[in-house]
Amino acid sequence: MIRLAVRCRPELAERVLAELVELAPGGVEENRGGDWVEYAIYGAPGELPALPDLEAIAGEGLVDVTSAEIPDDWADRWQDFHRPLLVGGRLWVRPSWEAPREGTIDIVVDPGQGFGTGAHPTTRMCLELLLDLADAGSAQGPLADWGTGSGVLAIAAAKLGFGPIVACDHEPAALEAAGANARANAVELELRRANLREHPPPPAPTVVANLTTPILREIARRLERAPQRLICSGLLATEAADARDAFARHGLTERLRRTQGDWIAISFAAGPTA
């Protein structure tokens, strides 16, 4: 097993992470020093980005790039940085080796092939916005998860009352991980392989999409049936206007926004604002 790590200046860390997730979605280990932030990914030889790709990602913010072989017990290290997460005081997102928490909605999500478990700020904010829909009495009816990854958002939606649920992703490994996590949570998801850059996404009255801004723009360009409610993230704060403009042409307006660091998540709804 190989560990690839890129260190960059703190002021460029969020941008580097956003780019890195494009090459290795989810499961990124983060370490911080006084004047650097390090992101590390794990995989078998030949499965990871090349060192020049990591150097290009960091650009002028590069501090160091390293590659190292790690022991066969690397899975134990993987577990060290996948910890339970309490979202909104109600959703307890945990890997299978951690215990449930009394009085919460239990969501078991394992990283699988390196897809995230809910710890990234964009995922947390999407979960919070799903809770907001539940509080408003809107957690019902069909939902689509565009770019499902580990399936954590789709699984949370199912446990909040949405259904049926379609979860799509371009990566077969993501669909495999989402299917395994759905079974672990005893929820039913319809899993579809879909290239969201090239084809319209599956429609639903409610949609959650934790994707990058370029993919969201492409989806908006190809969208045939707009949802009534859309939660989207994967956005840097500087990209909010792009997302608003992309979906405004479909009659969707911003109703609520969450912010964490440089990241934002936006909840859209059909019709004019009140």
C-alpha atoms as a PDB file:
ATOM      1  CA  MET A   1       0.000   0.000   0.000  1.00  0.00           C
ATOM      2  CA  ILE A   2       1.191   3.506  -0.888  1.00  0.00           C
ATOM      3  CA  ARG A   3       0.651   6.790   0.947  1.00  0.00           C
ATOM      4  CA  LEU A   4       0.785   9.931  -1.197  1.00  0.00           C
ATOM      5  CA  ALA A   5       0.857  13.255   0.611  1.00  0.00           C
ATOM      6  CA  VAL A   6       0.916  16.846  -0.556  1.00  0.00           C
ATOM      7  CA  ARG A   7       1.734  19.757   1.759  1.00  0.00           C
ATOM      8  CA  CYS A   8       0.625  23.249   0.852  1.00  0.00           C
ATOM      9  CA  ARG A   9       0.329  26.692   2.375  1.00  0.00           C
ATOM     10  CA  PRO A  10      -2.742  27.060   4.646  1.00  0.00           C
ATOM     11  CA  GLU A  11      -4.303  29.866   2.624  1.00  0.00           C
ATOM     12  CA  LEU A  12      -4.575  27.554  -0.398  1.00  0.00           C
ATOM     13  CA  ALA A  13      -5.573  24.410   1.488  1.00  0.00           C
ATOM     14  CA  GLU A  14      -9.282  24.403   0.655  1.00  0.00           C
ATOM     15  CA  ARG A  15      -8.601  24.884  -3.038  1.00  0.00           C
ATOM     16  CA  VAL A  16      -6.004  22.095  -3.052  1.00  0.00           C
ATOM     17  CA  LEU A  17      -8.441  19.762  -1.296  1.00  0.00           C
ATOM     18  CA  ALA A  18     -11.184  20.538  -3.808  1.00  0.00           C
ATOM     19  CA  GLU A  19      -8.842  19.666  -6.670  1.00  0.00           C
ATOM     20  CA  LEU A  20      -7.494  16.554  -4.938  1.00  0.00           C
ATOM     21  CA  VAL A  21     -10.969  15.117  -4.428  1.00  0.00           C
ATOM     22  CA  GLU A  22     -11.400  15.216  -8.204  1.00  0.00           C
ATOM     23  CA  LEU A  23      -8.479  12.771  -8.563  1.00  0.00           C
ATOM     24  CA  ALA A  24      -9.181  10.697  -5.460  1.00  0.00           C
ATOM     25  CA  PRO A  25     -12.789  11.219  -4.255  1.00  0.00           C
ATOM     26  CA  GLY A  26     -13.280  11.036  -0.481  1.00  0.00           C
ATOM     27  CA  GLY A  27     -11.226   9.494   2.268  1.00  0.00           C
ATOM     28  CA  VAL A  28      -8.574  12.216   2.377  1.00  0.00           C
ATOM     29  CA  GLU A  29      -6.471  12.394   5.548  1.00  0.00           C
ATOM     30  CA  GLU A  30      -5.703  15.903   6.806  1.00  0.00           C
ATOM     31  CA  ASN A  31      -2.791  16.964   9.017  1.00  0.00           C
ATOM     32  CA  ARG A  32      -1.822  20.518   9.970  1.00  0.00           C
ATOM     33  CA  GLY A  33       1.463  22.103  10.955  1.00  0.00           C
ATOM     34  CA  GLY A  34       2.351  25.655  11.838  1.00  0.00           C
ATOM     35  CA  ASP A  35       2.739  26.856   8.271  1.00  0.00           C
ATOM     36  CA  TRP A  36       1.412  23.976   6.184  1.00  0.00           C
ATOM     37  CA  VAL A  37      -1.572  21.691   5.636  1.00  0.00           C
ATOM     38  CA  GLU A  38      -1.004  18.126   4.477  1.00  0.00           C
ATOM     39  CA  TYR A  39      -3.496  15.981   2.566  1.00  0.00           C
ATOM     40  CA  ALA A  40      -2.756  12.267   2.228  1.00  0.00           C
ATOM     41  CA  ILE A  41      -4.445   9.502   0.260  1.00  0.00           C
ATOM     42  CA  TYR A  42      -3.888   5.751   0.349  1.00  0.00           C
ATOM     43  CA  GLY A  43      -4.060   3.107  -2.358  1.00  0.00           C
ATOM     44  CA  ALA A  44      -2.358   0.306  -4.212  1.00  0.00           C
ATOM     45  CA  PRO A  45       0.474   1.076  -6.663  1.00  0.00           C
ATOM     46  CA  GLY A  46      -0.965   2.305  -9.950  1.00  0.00           C
ATOM     47  CA  GLU A  47      -4.273   3.415  -8.414  1.00  0.00           C
ATOM     48  CA  LEU A  48      -3.161   6.825  -7.153  1.00  0.00           C
ATOM     49  CA  PRO A  49      -2.388  10.101  -8.936  1.00  0.00           C
ATOM     50  CA  ALA A  50       1.180  10.579 -10.126  1.00  0.00           C
ATOM     51  CA  LEU A  51       3.475  12.886  -8.157  1.00  0.00           C
ATOM     52  CA  PRO A  52       3.504  15.519 -10.945  1.00  0.00           C
ATOM     53  CA  ASP A  53      -0.302  15.629 -10.739  1.00  0.00           C
ATOM     54  CA  LEU A  54      -0.121  16.378  -7.019  1.00  0.00           C
ATOM     55  CA  GLU A  55       2.503  19.047  -7.616  1.00  0.00           C
ATOM     56  CA  ALA A  56       0.279  20.640 -10.249  1.00  0.00           C
ATOM     57  CA  ILE A  57      -2.690  20.634  -7.865  1.00  0.00           C
ATOM     58  CA  ALA A  58      -0.771  22.557  -5.208  1.00  0.00           C
ATOM     59  CA  GLY A  59       0.699  24.964  -7.746  1.00  0.00           C
ATOM     60  CA  GLU A  60       2.443  27.952  -6.218  1.00  0.00           C
ATOM     61  CA  GLY A  61       1.235  26.900  -2.771  1.00  0.00           C
ATOM     62  CA  LEU A  62       3.295  23.696  -2.829  1.00  0.00           C
ATOM     63  CA  VAL A  63       5.458  22.979   0.210  1.00  0.00           C
ATOM     64  CA  ASP A  64       6.264  19.296  -0.311  1.00  0.00           C
ATOM     65  CA  VAL A  65       5.037  16.103  -1.988  1.00  0.00           C
ATOM     66  CA  THR A  66       5.952  12.674  -0.644  1.00  0.00           C
ATOM     67  CA  SER A  67       5.305   9.052  -1.500  1.00  0.00           C
ATOM     68  CA  ALA A  68       5.878   6.223   0.972  1.00  0.00           C
ATOM     69  CA  GLU A  69       5.112   2.531   1.244  1.00  0.00           C
ATOM     70  CA  ILE A  70       3.181   1.691   4.391  1.00  0.00           C
ATOM     71  CA  PRO A  71       2.683  -1.576   6.321  1.00  0.00           C
ATOM     72  CA  ASP A  72      -0.079  -4.037   5.527  1.00  0.00           C
ATOM     73  CA  ASP A  73      -1.949  -2.964   8.675  1.00  0.00           C
ATOM     74  CA  TRP A  74      -2.745   0.376   7.014  1.00  0.00           C
ATOM     75  CA  ALA A  75      -6.472  -0.259   7.520  1.00  0.00           C
ATOM     76  CA  ASP A  76      -5.958   0.290  11.243  1.00  0.00           C
ATOM     77  CA  ARG A  77      -4.487   3.721  10.471  1.00  0.00           C
ATOM     78  CA  TRP A  78      -7.453   4.414   8.149  1.00  0.00           C
ATOM     79  CA  GLN A  79      -9.748   3.845  11.094  1.00  0.00           C
ATOM     80  CA  ASP A  80      -7.811   6.343  13.204  1.00  0.00           C
ATOM     81  CA  PHE A  81      -9.217   9.323  11.297  1.00  0.00           C
ATOM     82  CA  HIS A  82     -12.756   8.084  10.594  1.00  0.00           C
ATOM     83  CA  ARG A  83     -14.566   9.152  13.753  1.00  0.00           C
ATOM     84  CA  PRO A  84     -18.293   9.407  14.577  1.00  0.00           C
ATOM     85  CA  LEU A  85     -19.975  12.684  13.678  1.00  0.00           C
ATOM     86  CA  LEU A  86     -23.047  14.239  15.299  1.00  0.00           C
ATOM     87  CA  VAL A  87     -24.943  16.463  12.858  1.00  0.00           C
ATOM     88  CA  GLY A  88     -27.688  18.797  13.980  1.00  0.00           C
ATOM     89  CA  GLY A  89     -27.910  17.030  17.309  1.00  0.00           C
ATOM     90  CA  ARG A  90     -29.836  14.175  15.660  1.00  0.00           C
ATOM     91  CA  LEU A  91     -27.841  12.388  12.969  1.00  0.00           C
ATOM     92  CA  TRP A  92     -25.088  10.128  14.321  1.00  0.00           C
ATOM     93  CA  VAL A  93     -22.863   9.232  11.365  1.00  0.00           C
ATOM     94  CA  ARG A  94     -20.406   6.530  12.363  1.00  0.00           C
ATOM     95  CA  PRO A  95     -18.163   3.846  10.905  1.00  0.00           C
ATOM     96  CA  SER A  96     -19.190   0.292  11.741  1.00  0.00           C
ATOM     97  CA  TRP A  97     -16.497  -0.145  14.391  1.00  0.00           C
ATOM     98  CA  GLU A  98     -17.937   2.677  16.533  1.00  0.00           C
ATOM     99  CA  ALA A  99     -20.973   2.333  18.835  1.00  0.00           C
ATOM    100  CA  PRO A 100     -24.453   3.804  18.235  1.00  0.00           C
ATOM    101  CA  ARG A 101     -25.517   6.853  20.248  1.00  0.00           C
ATOM    102  CA  GLU A 102     -28.750   6.774  22.201  1.00  0.00           C
ATOM    103  CA  GLY A 103     -31.451   9.205  21.110  1.00  0.00           C
ATOM    104  CA  THR A 104     -30.063   9.820  17.616  1.00  0.00           C
ATOM    105  CA  ILE A 105     -30.730   8.600  14.088  1.00  0.00           C
ATOM    106  CA  ASP A 106     -28.002   6.026  13.524  1.00  0.00           C
ATOM    107  CA  ILE A 107     -26.221   6.102  10.159  1.00  0.00           C
ATOM    108  CA  VAL A 108     -23.468   3.552   9.576  1.00  0.00           C
ATOM    109  CA  VAL A 109     -21.075   4.499   6.782  1.00  0.00           C
ATOM    110  CA  ASP A 110     -17.744   2.836   6.092  1.00  0.00           C
ATOM    111  CA  PRO A 111     -15.186   4.426   3.741  1.00  0.00           C
ATOM    112  CA  GLY A 112     -15.056   1.391   1.438  1.00  0.00           C
ATOM    113  CA  GLN A 113     -12.994   2.172  -1.645  1.00  0.00           C
ATOM    114  CA  GLY A 114     -11.908   5.546  -0.266  1.00  0.00           C
ATOM    115  CA  PHE A 115     -15.268   7.320  -0.523  1.00  0.00           C
ATOM    116  CA  GLY A 116     -16.089   9.677   2.303  1.00  0.00           C
ATOM    117  CA  THR A 117     -17.974   8.967   5.508  1.00  0.00           C
ATOM    118  CA  GLY A 118     -19.524  12.392   6.043  1.00  0.00           C
ATOM    119  CA  ALA A 119     -16.680  14.222   7.740  1.00  0.00           C
ATOM    120  CA  HIS A 120     -16.070  16.772   4.989  1.00  0.00           C
ATOM    121  CA  PRO A 121     -17.699  20.182   5.599  1.00  0.00           C
ATOM    122  CA  THR A 122     -19.738  20.001   2.380  1.00  0.00           C
ATOM    123  CA  THR A 123     -21.268  16.663   3.399  1.00  0.00           C
ATOM    124  CA  ARG A 124     -22.049  17.889   6.906  1.00  0.00           C
ATOM    125  CA  MET A 125     -23.778  20.979   5.561  1.00  0.00           C
ATOM    126  CA  CYS A 126     -25.856  18.913   3.125  1.00  0.00           C
ATOM    127  CA  LEU A 127     -26.957  16.756   6.055  1.00  0.00           C
ATOM    128  CA  GLU A 128     -27.888  19.887   8.008  1.00  0.00           C
ATOM    129  CA  LEU A 129     -29.964  21.169   5.091  1.00  0.00           C
ATOM    130  CA  LEU A 130     -31.722  17.796   4.833  1.00  0.00           C
ATOM    131  CA  LEU A 131     -32.590  18.178   8.511  1.00  0.00           C
ATOM    132  CA  ASP A 132     -33.968  21.645   7.754  1.00  0.00           C
ATOM    133  CA  LEU A 133     -36.295  20.107   5.146  1.00  0.00           C
ATOM    134  CA  ALA A 134     -37.374  17.518   7.706  1.00  0.00           C
ATOM    135  CA  ASP A 135     -38.108  20.267  10.242  1.00  0.00           C
ATOM    136  CA  ALA A 136     -40.256  22.026   7.626  1.00  0.00           C
ATOM    137  CA  GLY A 137     -42.273  18.848   7.033  1.00  0.00           C
ATOM    138  CA  SER A 138     -40.789  18.319   3.571  1.00  0.00           C
ATOM    139  CA  ALA A 139     -38.934  15.041   4.216  1.00  0.00           C
ATOM    140  CA  GLN A 140     -41.198  12.959   2.023  1.00  0.00           C
ATOM    141  CA  GLY A 141     -41.535  11.747  -1.541  1.00  0.00           C
ATOM    142  CA  PRO A 142     -38.902  10.740  -4.091  1.00  0.00           C
ATOM    143  CA  LEU A 143     -35.329  12.018  -3.786  1.00  0.00           C
ATOM    144  CA  ALA A 144     -32.281  11.770  -6.029  1.00  0.00           C
ATOM    145  CA  ASP A 145     -28.678  11.895  -4.840  1.00  0.00           C
ATOM    146  CA  TRP A 146     -26.494  13.091  -7.698  1.00  0.00           C
ATOM    147  CA  GLY A 147     -22.924  11.894  -7.141  1.00  0.00           C
ATOM    148  CA  THR A 148     -23.672   9.635  -4.182  1.00  0.00           C
ATOM    149  CA  GLY A 149     -20.127   8.509  -3.262  1.00  0.00           C
ATOM    150  CA  SER A 150     -20.477   6.444  -0.078  1.00  0.00           C
ATOM    151  CA  GLY A 151     -24.247   6.950  -0.091  1.00  0.00           C
ATOM    152  CA  VAL A 152     -24.282   8.849   3.200  1.00  0.00           C
ATOM    153  CA  LEU A 153     -26.654  11.590   1.995  1.00  0.00           C
ATOM    154  CA  ALA A 154     -29.059   9.129   0.364  1.00  0.00           C
ATOM    155  CA  ILE A 155     -29.061   6.925   3.470  1.00  0.00           C
ATOM    156  CA  ALA A 156     -29.708   9.913   5.738  1.00  0.00           C
ATOM    157  CA  ALA A 157     -32.546  11.023   3.461  1.00  0.00           C
ATOM    158  CA  ALA A 158     -34.125   7.568   3.660  1.00  0.00           C
ATOM    159  CA  LYS A 159     -33.959   7.585   7.452  1.00  0.00           C
ATOM    160  CA  LEU A 160     -35.511  11.056   7.554  1.00  0.00           C
ATOM    161  CA  GLY A 161     -38.534   9.881   5.550  1.00  0.00           C
ATOM    162  CA  PHE A 162     -37.774  10.419   1.861  1.00  0.00           C
ATOM    163  CA  GLY A 163     -38.453   7.642  -0.612  1.00  0.00           C
ATOM    164  CA  PRO A 164     -38.069   6.105  -3.078  1.00  0.00           C
ATOM    165  CA  ILE A 165     -34.473   7.220  -3.502  1.00  0.00           C
ATOM    166  CA  VAL A 166     -32.253   7.072  -6.577  1.00  0.00           C
ATOM    167  CA  ALA A 167     -28.508   7.365  -5.928  1.00  0.00           C
ATOM    168  CA  CYS A 168     -26.255   7.806  -8.932  1.00  0.00           C
ATOM    169  CA  ASP A 169     -22.522   8.008  -9.500  1.00  0.00           C
ATOM    170  CA  HIS A 170     -20.103   7.561 -12.375  1.00  0.00           C
ATOM    171  CA  GLU A 171     -17.701   5.414 -10.357  1.00  0.00           C
ATOM    172  CA  PRO A 172     -18.551   1.699  -9.994  1.00  0.00           C
ATOM    173  CA  ALA A 173     -16.583   1.613  -6.726  1.00  0.00           C
ATOM    174  CA  ALA A 174     -18.799   4.373  -5.330  1.00  0.00           C
ATOM    175  CA  LEU A 175     -21.952   2.461  -6.214  1.00  0.00           C
ATOM    176  CA  GLU A 176     -20.504  -0.666  -4.628  1.00  0.00           C
ATOM    177  CA  ALA A 177     -19.708   1.257  -1.432  1.00  0.00           C
ATOM    178  CA  ALA A 178     -23.133   2.942  -1.413  1.00  0.00           C
ATOM    179  CA  GLY A 179     -24.856  -0.413  -1.849  1.00  0.00           C
ATOM    180  CA  ALA A 180     -22.914  -1.966   1.023  1.00  0.00           C
ATOM    181  CA  ASN A 181     -23.670   0.998   3.274  1.00  0.00           C
ATOM    182  CA  ALA A 182     -27.368   0.920   2.348  1.00  0.00           C
ATOM    183  CA  ARG A 183     -27.550  -2.746   3.336  1.00  0.00           C
ATOM    184  CA  ALA A 184     -25.769  -1.999   6.621  1.00  0.00           C
ATOM    185  CA  ASN A 185     -28.468   0.578   7.374  1.00  0.00           C
ATOM    186  CA  ALA A 186     -31.380  -1.568   6.156  1.00  0.00           C
ATOM    187  CA  VAL A 187     -32.500   1.092   3.661  1.00  0.00           C
ATOM    188  CA  GLU A 188     -33.382   0.640   0.020  1.00  0.00           C
ATOM    189  CA  LEU A 189     -31.627   2.689  -2.659  1.00  0.00           C
ATOM    190  CA  GLU A 190     -31.945   2.419  -6.416  1.00  0.00           C
ATOM    191  CA  LEU A 191     -28.328   2.652  -7.584  1.00  0.00           C
ATOM    192  CA  ARG A 192     -27.589   3.934 -11.078  1.00  0.00           C
ATOM    193  CA  ARG A 193     -24.355   4.516 -12.907  1.00  0.00           C
ATOM    194  CA  ALA A 194     -24.509   7.940 -14.553  1.00  0.00           C
ATOM    195  CA  ASN A 195     -22.021  10.304 -16.141  1.00  0.00           C
ATOM    196  CA  LEU A 196     -23.388  13.633 -14.978  1.00  0.00           C
ATOM    197  CA  ARG A 197     -20.996  15.545 -17.217  1.00  0.00           C
ATOM    198  CA  GLU A 198     -22.533  14.050 -20.352  1.00  0.00           C
ATOM    199  CA  HIS A 199     -26.127  13.029 -19.603  1.00  0.00           C
ATOM    200  CA  PRO A 200     -29.101  14.552 -17.762  1.00  0.00           C
ATOM    201  CA  PRO A 201     -29.358  13.353 -14.156  1.00  0.00           C
ATOM    202  CA  PRO A 202     -32.285  11.276 -12.867  1.00  0.00           C
ATOM    203  CA  PRO A 203     -35.174  13.607 -11.958  1.00  0.00           C
ATOM    204  CA  ALA A 204     -36.895  13.819  -8.581  1.00  0.00           C
ATOM    205  CA  PRO A 205     -38.904  16.430  -6.657  1.00  0.00           C
ATOM    206  CA  THR A 206     -36.043  16.705  -4.141  1.00  0.00           C
ATOM    207  CA  VAL A 207     -32.372  16.454  -5.085  1.00  0.00           C
ATOM    208  CA  VAL A 208     -29.148  16.553  -3.108  1.00  0.00           C
ATOM    209  CA  ALA A 209     -25.927  17.106  -5.057  1.00  0.00           C
ATOM    210  CA  ASN A 210     -22.539  17.343  -3.358  1.00  0.00           C
ATOM    211  CA  LEU A 211     -20.449  18.020  -6.453  1.00  0.00           C
ATOM    212  CA  THR A 212     -17.951  20.513  -7.813  1.00  0.00           C
ATOM    213  CA  THR A 213     -19.082  23.752  -9.430  1.00  0.00           C
ATOM    214  CA  PRO A 214     -18.071  22.743 -12.992  1.00  0.00           C
ATOM    215  CA  ILE A 215     -20.187  19.583 -12.741  1.00  0.00           C
ATOM    216  CA  LEU A 216     -23.124  21.504 -11.251  1.00  0.00           C
ATOM    217  CA  ARG A 217     -22.941  23.988 -14.132  1.00  0.00           C
ATOM    218  CA  GLU A 218     -22.927  21.122 -16.630  1.00  0.00           C
ATOM    219  CA  ILE A 219     -25.903  19.501 -14.918  1.00  0.00           C
ATOM    220  CA  ALA A 220     -27.835  22.783 -15.024  1.00  0.00           C
ATOM    221  CA  ARG A 221     -27.087  23.084 -18.740  1.00  0.00           C
ATOM    222  CA  ARG A 222     -28.444  19.588 -19.452  1.00  0.00           C
ATOM    223  CA  LEU A 223     -31.250  19.511 -16.885  1.00  0.00           C
ATOM    224  CA  GLU A 224     -34.555  18.441 -18.449  1.00  0.00           C
ATOM    225  CA  ARG A 225     -36.838  18.368 -15.380  1.00  0.00           C
ATOM    226  CA  ALA A 226     -35.923  20.694 -12.550  1.00  0.00           C
ATOM    227  CA  PRO A 227     -36.559  19.553  -8.970  1.00  0.00           C
ATOM    228  CA  GLN A 228     -38.834  21.435  -6.590  1.00  0.00           C
ATOM    229  CA  ARG A 229     -36.070  21.456  -3.976  1.00  0.00           C
ATOM    230  CA  LEU A 230     -32.323  21.231  -4.535  1.00  0.00           C
ATOM    231  CA  ILE A 231     -29.543  21.025  -1.960  1.00  0.00           C
ATOM    232  CA  CYS A 232     -26.112  21.473  -3.469  1.00  0.00           C
ATOM    233  CA  SER A 233     -22.607  21.795  -2.100  1.00  0.00           C
ATOM    234  CA  GLY A 234     -19.047  21.077  -3.091  1.00  0.00           C
ATOM    235  CA  LEU A 235     -18.943  24.850  -3.533  1.00  0.00           C
ATOM    236  CA  LEU A 236     -16.383  27.357  -2.388  1.00  0.00           C
ATOM    237  CA  ALA A 237     -17.865  30.618  -1.144  1.00  0.00           C
ATOM    238  CA  THR A 238     -16.493  32.399  -4.194  1.00  0.00           C
ATOM    239  CA  GLU A 239     -18.539  30.058  -6.429  1.00  0.00           C
ATOM    240  CA  ALA A 240     -21.967  30.742  -4.898  1.00  0.00           C
ATOM    241  CA  ALA A 241     -23.010  33.178  -7.609  1.00  0.00           C
ATOM    242  CA  ASP A 242     -22.137  30.639 -10.312  1.00  0.00           C
ATOM    243  CA  ALA A 243     -24.419  28.064  -8.684  1.00  0.00           C
ATOM    244  CA  ARG A 244     -27.265  30.557  -8.230  1.00  0.00           C
ATOM    245  CA  ASP A 245     -27.072  31.696 -11.832  1.00  0.00           C
ATOM    246  CA  ALA A 246     -26.857  28.145 -13.168  1.00  0.00           C
ATOM    247  CA  PHE A 247     -30.109  27.049 -11.538  1.00  0.00           C
ATOM    248  CA  ALA A 248     -31.996  30.361 -11.721  1.00  0.00           C
ATOM    249  CA  ARG A 249     -32.819  29.602 -15.356  1.00  0.00           C
ATOM    250  CA  HIS A 250     -34.807  26.605 -14.082  1.00  0.00           C
ATOM    251  CA  GLY A 251     -36.863  28.717 -11.683  1.00  0.00           C
ATOM    252  CA  LEU A 252     -34.884  27.723  -8.594  1.00  0.00           C
ATOM    253  CA  THR A 253     -34.026  30.407  -6.044  1.00  0.00           C
ATOM    254  CA  GLU A 254     -31.788  30.321  -2.993  1.00  0.00           C
ATOM    255  CA  ARG A 255     -33.716  29.840   0.250  1.00  0.00           C
ATOM    256  CA  LEU A 256     -31.039  28.939   2.779  1.00  0.00           C
ATOM    257  CA  ARG A 257     -27.267  28.806   2.971  1.00  0.00           C
ATOM    258  CA  ARG A 258     -24.778  27.111   5.267  1.00  0.00           C
ATOM    259  CA  THR A 259     -21.131  28.150   5.526  1.00  0.00           C
ATOM    260  CA  GLN A 260     -18.128  26.421   7.047  1.00  0.00           C
ATOM    261  CA  GLY A 261     -14.709  27.879   6.417  1.00  0.00           C
ATOM    262  CA  ASP A 262     -14.384  28.497   2.691  1.00  0.00           C
ATOM    263  CA  TRP A 263     -17.139  25.992   1.846  1.00  0.00           C
ATOM    264  CA  ILE A 264     -20.851  26.662   1.371  1.00  0.00           C
ATOM    265  CA  ALA A 265     -24.013  24.640   0.803  1.00  0.00           C
ATOM    266  CA  ILE A 266     -27.181  26.132  -0.670  1.00  0.00           C
ATOM    267  CA  SER A 267     -30.804  25.001  -0.453  1.00  0.00           C
ATOM    268  CA  PHE A 268     -32.837  26.043  -3.510  1.00  0.00           C
ATOM    269  CA  ALA A 269     -36.589  25.839  -4.071  1.00  0.00           C
ATOM    270  CA  ALA A 270     -38.850  26.442  -7.044  1.00  0.00           C
ATOM    271  CA  GLY A 271     -40.586  29.778  -7.284  1.00  0.00           C
ATOM    272  CA  PRO A 272     -39.768  33.315  -6.129  1.00  0.00           C
ATOM    273  CA  THR A 273     -38.464  34.067  -2.664  1.00  0.00           C
ATOM    274  CA  ALA A 274     -40.964  35.257  -0.074  1.00  0.00           C
END
